[in-house]
Amino acid sequence: MKEGFLIAASALLAGLLPLLAVGMREPPVDGLVALELAGATTTLALVCVSVGTGSSSATGVALLMALLSWVGGLLFARFLDRTP
């Protein structure tokens, strides 16, 4: 049962590759959307790893990742508005 969570985490992490491509090739606004989606995907992957390994410390890392991803997106949007 717990191996399923680890497989799900691997699948979620594999889904970050297209987001990386979007962030590098598309306009900055699309990169912001990719950044936000990557943050949510990484948070879900960390929760899957936490459940799969039975580690409660990984849950704390996932919550911290969710918070930092949200703040990072706000800062990116703030500086995106200043570009000429």
N, C-alpha and C. Protein backbone atom coordinates (compact mmCIF):
# COMPACT_ATOMS: atom_id res chain seq x y z
N MET A 1 0.82 -1.20 0.00
CA MET A 1 0.00 0.00 0.00
C MET A 1 0.86 1.26 0.00
N LYS A 2 1.90 1.27 0.83
CA LYS A 2 2.72 2.47 0.90
C LYS A 2 3.59 2.67 -0.33
N GLU A 3 3.87 1.57 -1.06
CA GLU A 3 4.65 1.74 -2.28
C GLU A 3 3.88 2.55 -3.31
N GLY A 4 2.56 2.47 -3.26
CA GLY A 4 1.74 3.24 -4.18
C GLY A 4 1.94 4.75 -4.02
N PHE A 5 2.15 5.18 -2.79
CA PHE A 5 2.39 6.61 -2.55
C PHE A 5 3.75 7.02 -3.11
N LEU A 6 4.72 6.15 -3.01
CA LEU A 6 6.04 6.46 -3.56
C LEU A 6 6.01 6.48 -5.09
N ILE A 7 5.22 5.59 -5.68
CA ILE A 7 5.06 5.60 -7.14
C ILE A 7 4.34 6.87 -7.57
N ALA A 8 3.35 7.27 -6.80
CA ALA A 8 2.62 8.51 -7.11
C ALA A 8 3.55 9.72 -7.01
N ALA A 9 4.42 9.72 -6.00
CA ALA A 9 5.38 10.82 -5.87
C ALA A 9 6.32 10.87 -7.06
N SER A 10 6.75 9.72 -7.54
CA SER A 10 7.62 9.67 -8.71
C SER A 10 6.89 10.20 -9.95
N ALA A 11 5.64 9.84 -10.10
CA ALA A 11 4.86 10.32 -11.24
C ALA A 11 4.65 11.83 -11.17
N LEU A 12 4.41 12.33 -9.97
CA LEU A 12 4.24 13.77 -9.81
C LEU A 12 5.53 14.52 -10.14
N LEU A 13 6.66 13.98 -9.71
CA LEU A 13 7.94 14.62 -10.00
C LEU A 13 8.27 14.56 -11.48
N ALA A 14 7.86 13.50 -12.15
CA ALA A 14 8.07 13.42 -13.60
C ALA A 14 7.23 14.49 -14.32
N GLY A 15 6.11 14.86 -13.72
CA GLY A 15 5.27 15.91 -14.31
C GLY A 15 5.87 17.30 -14.21
N LEU A 16 6.97 17.44 -13.50
CA LEU A 16 7.63 18.75 -13.41
C LEU A 16 8.43 19.08 -14.67
N LEU A 17 8.81 18.08 -15.43
CA LEU A 17 9.62 18.32 -16.63
C LEU A 17 8.90 19.20 -17.67
N PRO A 18 7.62 18.94 -17.99
CA PRO A 18 6.94 19.86 -18.92
C PRO A 18 6.80 21.28 -18.36
N LEU A 19 6.67 21.39 -17.04
CA LEU A 19 6.56 22.72 -16.44
C LEU A 19 7.88 23.47 -16.56
N LEU A 20 8.98 22.76 -16.47
CA LEU A 20 10.28 23.37 -16.65
C LEU A 20 10.42 23.89 -18.08
N ALA A 21 9.96 23.10 -19.04
CA ALA A 21 10.02 23.53 -20.44
C ALA A 21 9.16 24.77 -20.68
N VAL A 22 7.99 24.81 -20.08
CA VAL A 22 7.12 25.98 -20.23
C VAL A 22 7.76 27.20 -19.59
N GLY A 23 8.35 27.02 -18.43
CA GLY A 23 8.99 28.14 -17.74
C GLY A 23 10.17 28.71 -18.49
N MET A 24 10.85 27.88 -19.26
CA MET A 24 12.03 28.35 -19.99
C MET A 24 11.69 28.92 -21.37
N ARG A 25 10.65 28.44 -22.02
CA ARG A 25 10.40 28.81 -23.41
C ARG A 25 9.27 29.81 -23.62
N GLU A 26 8.34 29.88 -22.72
CA GLU A 26 7.16 30.71 -22.91
C GLU A 26 7.36 32.10 -22.29
N PRO A 27 6.42 33.02 -22.53
CA PRO A 27 6.51 34.36 -21.93
C PRO A 27 6.48 34.29 -20.40
N PRO A 28 6.93 35.36 -19.74
CA PRO A 28 7.01 35.34 -18.27
C PRO A 28 5.69 35.06 -17.55
N VAL A 29 4.58 35.50 -18.11
CA VAL A 29 3.30 35.25 -17.45
C VAL A 29 2.99 33.75 -17.43
N ASP A 30 3.29 33.08 -18.53
CA ASP A 30 3.09 31.63 -18.56
C ASP A 30 4.08 30.93 -17.63
N GLY A 31 5.28 31.51 -17.50
CA GLY A 31 6.25 30.97 -16.56
C GLY A 31 5.78 31.08 -15.12
N LEU A 32 5.05 32.15 -14.82
CA LEU A 32 4.49 32.30 -13.48
C LEU A 32 3.45 31.22 -13.19
N VAL A 33 2.62 30.93 -14.16
CA VAL A 33 1.63 29.86 -14.00
C VAL A 33 2.33 28.52 -13.81
N ALA A 34 3.39 28.28 -14.58
CA ALA A 34 4.15 27.04 -14.43
C ALA A 34 4.81 26.97 -13.06
N LEU A 35 5.30 28.10 -12.56
CA LEU A 35 5.91 28.14 -11.23
C LEU A 35 4.91 27.78 -10.14
N GLU A 36 3.72 28.34 -10.22
CA GLU A 36 2.70 28.05 -9.23
C GLU A 36 2.27 26.58 -9.28
N LEU A 37 2.11 26.05 -10.48
CA LEU A 37 1.73 24.65 -10.62
C LEU A 37 2.84 23.72 -10.15
N ALA A 38 4.08 24.11 -10.40
CA ALA A 38 5.22 23.30 -9.94
C ALA A 38 5.27 23.28 -8.41
N GLY A 39 4.95 24.40 -7.78
CA GLY A 39 4.93 24.44 -6.32
C GLY A 39 3.86 23.52 -5.74
N ALA A 40 2.68 23.54 -6.34
CA ALA A 40 1.61 22.66 -5.87
C ALA A 40 1.95 21.20 -6.11
N THR A 41 2.54 20.91 -7.26
CA THR A 41 2.90 19.53 -7.59
C THR A 41 3.99 19.02 -6.65
N THR A 42 4.97 19.86 -6.36
CA THR A 42 6.04 19.46 -5.44
C THR A 42 5.50 19.23 -4.04
N THR A 43 4.56 20.06 -3.62
CA THR A 43 3.96 19.88 -2.31
C THR A 43 3.22 18.54 -2.23
N LEU A 44 2.46 18.23 -3.28
CA LEU A 44 1.76 16.94 -3.30
C LEU A 44 2.74 15.76 -3.32
N ALA A 45 3.84 15.91 -4.04
CA ALA A 45 4.84 14.85 -4.09
C ALA A 45 5.47 14.65 -2.70
N LEU A 46 5.73 15.73 -2.00
CA LEU A 46 6.30 15.61 -0.65
C LEU A 46 5.32 14.97 0.32
N VAL A 47 4.04 15.27 0.17
CA VAL A 47 3.04 14.61 1.02
C VAL A 47 2.99 13.12 0.71
N CYS A 48 3.07 12.75 -0.56
CA CYS A 48 3.09 11.33 -0.92
C CYS A 48 4.32 10.64 -0.36
N VAL A 49 5.47 11.30 -0.40
CA VAL A 49 6.68 10.72 0.18
C VAL A 49 6.52 10.57 1.68
N SER A 50 5.91 11.55 2.32
CA SER A 50 5.70 11.49 3.77
C SER A 50 4.82 10.31 4.16
N VAL A 51 3.74 10.11 3.42
CA VAL A 51 2.85 8.98 3.72
C VAL A 51 3.52 7.66 3.35
N GLY A 52 4.24 7.65 2.24
CA GLY A 52 4.88 6.42 1.78
C GLY A 52 5.99 5.93 2.69
N THR A 53 6.72 6.87 3.28
CA THR A 53 7.81 6.48 4.17
C THR A 53 7.41 6.48 5.64
N GLY A 54 6.27 7.04 5.95
CA GLY A 54 5.82 7.11 7.34
C GLY A 54 6.56 8.15 8.14
N SER A 55 7.15 9.12 7.47
CA SER A 55 7.93 10.16 8.13
C SER A 55 7.07 11.40 8.35
N SER A 56 6.96 11.81 9.59
CA SER A 56 6.16 13.00 9.87
C SER A 56 6.94 14.28 9.57
N SER A 57 8.26 14.21 9.53
CA SER A 57 9.04 15.41 9.24
C SER A 57 8.88 15.85 7.79
N ALA A 58 8.64 14.92 6.90
CA ALA A 58 8.41 15.29 5.49
C ALA A 58 7.11 16.06 5.33
N THR A 59 6.16 15.84 6.21
CA THR A 59 4.91 16.60 6.16
C THR A 59 5.17 18.07 6.47
N GLY A 60 6.02 18.32 7.45
CA GLY A 60 6.40 19.70 7.77
C GLY A 60 7.11 20.37 6.61
N VAL A 61 7.96 19.62 5.94
CA VAL A 61 8.65 20.16 4.76
C VAL A 61 7.64 20.48 3.66
N ALA A 62 6.64 19.63 3.49
CA ALA A 62 5.61 19.87 2.48
C ALA A 62 4.82 21.14 2.80
N LEU A 63 4.48 21.35 4.06
CA LEU A 63 3.75 22.56 4.44
C LEU A 63 4.60 23.80 4.23
N LEU A 64 5.88 23.70 4.56
CA LEU A 64 6.80 24.82 4.33
C LEU A 64 6.95 25.10 2.85
N MET A 65 7.00 24.07 2.05
CA MET A 65 7.11 24.22 0.60
C MET A 65 5.87 24.91 0.03
N ALA A 66 4.71 24.57 0.54
CA ALA A 66 3.48 25.21 0.07
C ALA A 66 3.50 26.70 0.38
N LEU A 67 3.93 27.06 1.56
CA LEU A 67 3.99 28.47 1.96
C LEU A 67 5.02 29.22 1.12
N LEU A 68 6.21 28.66 0.98
CA LEU A 68 7.26 29.35 0.23
C LEU A 68 6.93 29.44 -1.26
N SER A 69 6.25 28.46 -1.79
CA SER A 69 5.85 28.51 -3.19
C SER A 69 4.86 29.64 -3.42
N TRP A 70 3.94 29.81 -2.51
CA TRP A 70 2.94 30.87 -2.64
C TRP A 70 3.60 32.24 -2.54
N VAL A 71 4.50 32.41 -1.58
CA VAL A 71 5.20 33.68 -1.42
C VAL A 71 6.09 33.95 -2.63
N GLY A 72 6.76 32.92 -3.13
CA GLY A 72 7.61 33.09 -4.31
C GLY A 72 6.82 33.52 -5.53
N GLY A 73 5.63 32.97 -5.69
CA GLY A 73 4.77 33.37 -6.80
C GLY A 73 4.34 34.82 -6.69
N LEU A 74 4.04 35.27 -5.47
CA LEU A 74 3.68 36.67 -5.28
C LEU A 74 4.84 37.60 -5.60
N LEU A 75 6.04 37.23 -5.16
CA LEU A 75 7.21 38.06 -5.45
C LEU A 75 7.51 38.08 -6.94
N PHE A 76 7.40 36.95 -7.58
CA PHE A 76 7.63 36.88 -9.02
C PHE A 76 6.64 37.77 -9.75
N ALA A 77 5.38 37.73 -9.36
CA ALA A 77 4.36 38.57 -10.00
C ALA A 77 4.63 40.05 -9.74
N ARG A 78 5.11 40.36 -8.56
CA ARG A 78 5.41 41.75 -8.22
C ARG A 78 6.51 42.31 -9.12
N PHE A 79 7.58 41.54 -9.30
CA PHE A 79 8.69 42.01 -10.13
C PHE A 79 8.38 41.87 -11.61
N LEU A 80 7.47 41.00 -11.97
CA LEU A 80 7.06 40.86 -13.35
C LEU A 80 6.35 42.11 -13.83
N ASP A 81 5.64 42.76 -12.91
CA ASP A 81 4.92 43.99 -13.24
C ASP A 81 5.88 45.13 -13.55
N ARG A 82 7.11 45.08 -13.04
CA ARG A 82 8.07 46.16 -13.23
C ARG A 82 8.87 46.06 -14.52
N THR A 83 8.76 44.96 -15.23
CA THR A 83 9.55 44.82 -16.45
C THR A 83 9.01 45.76 -17.53
N PRO A 84 9.91 46.34 -18.33
CA PRO A 84 9.45 47.30 -19.37
C PRO A 84 8.76 46.60 -20.52
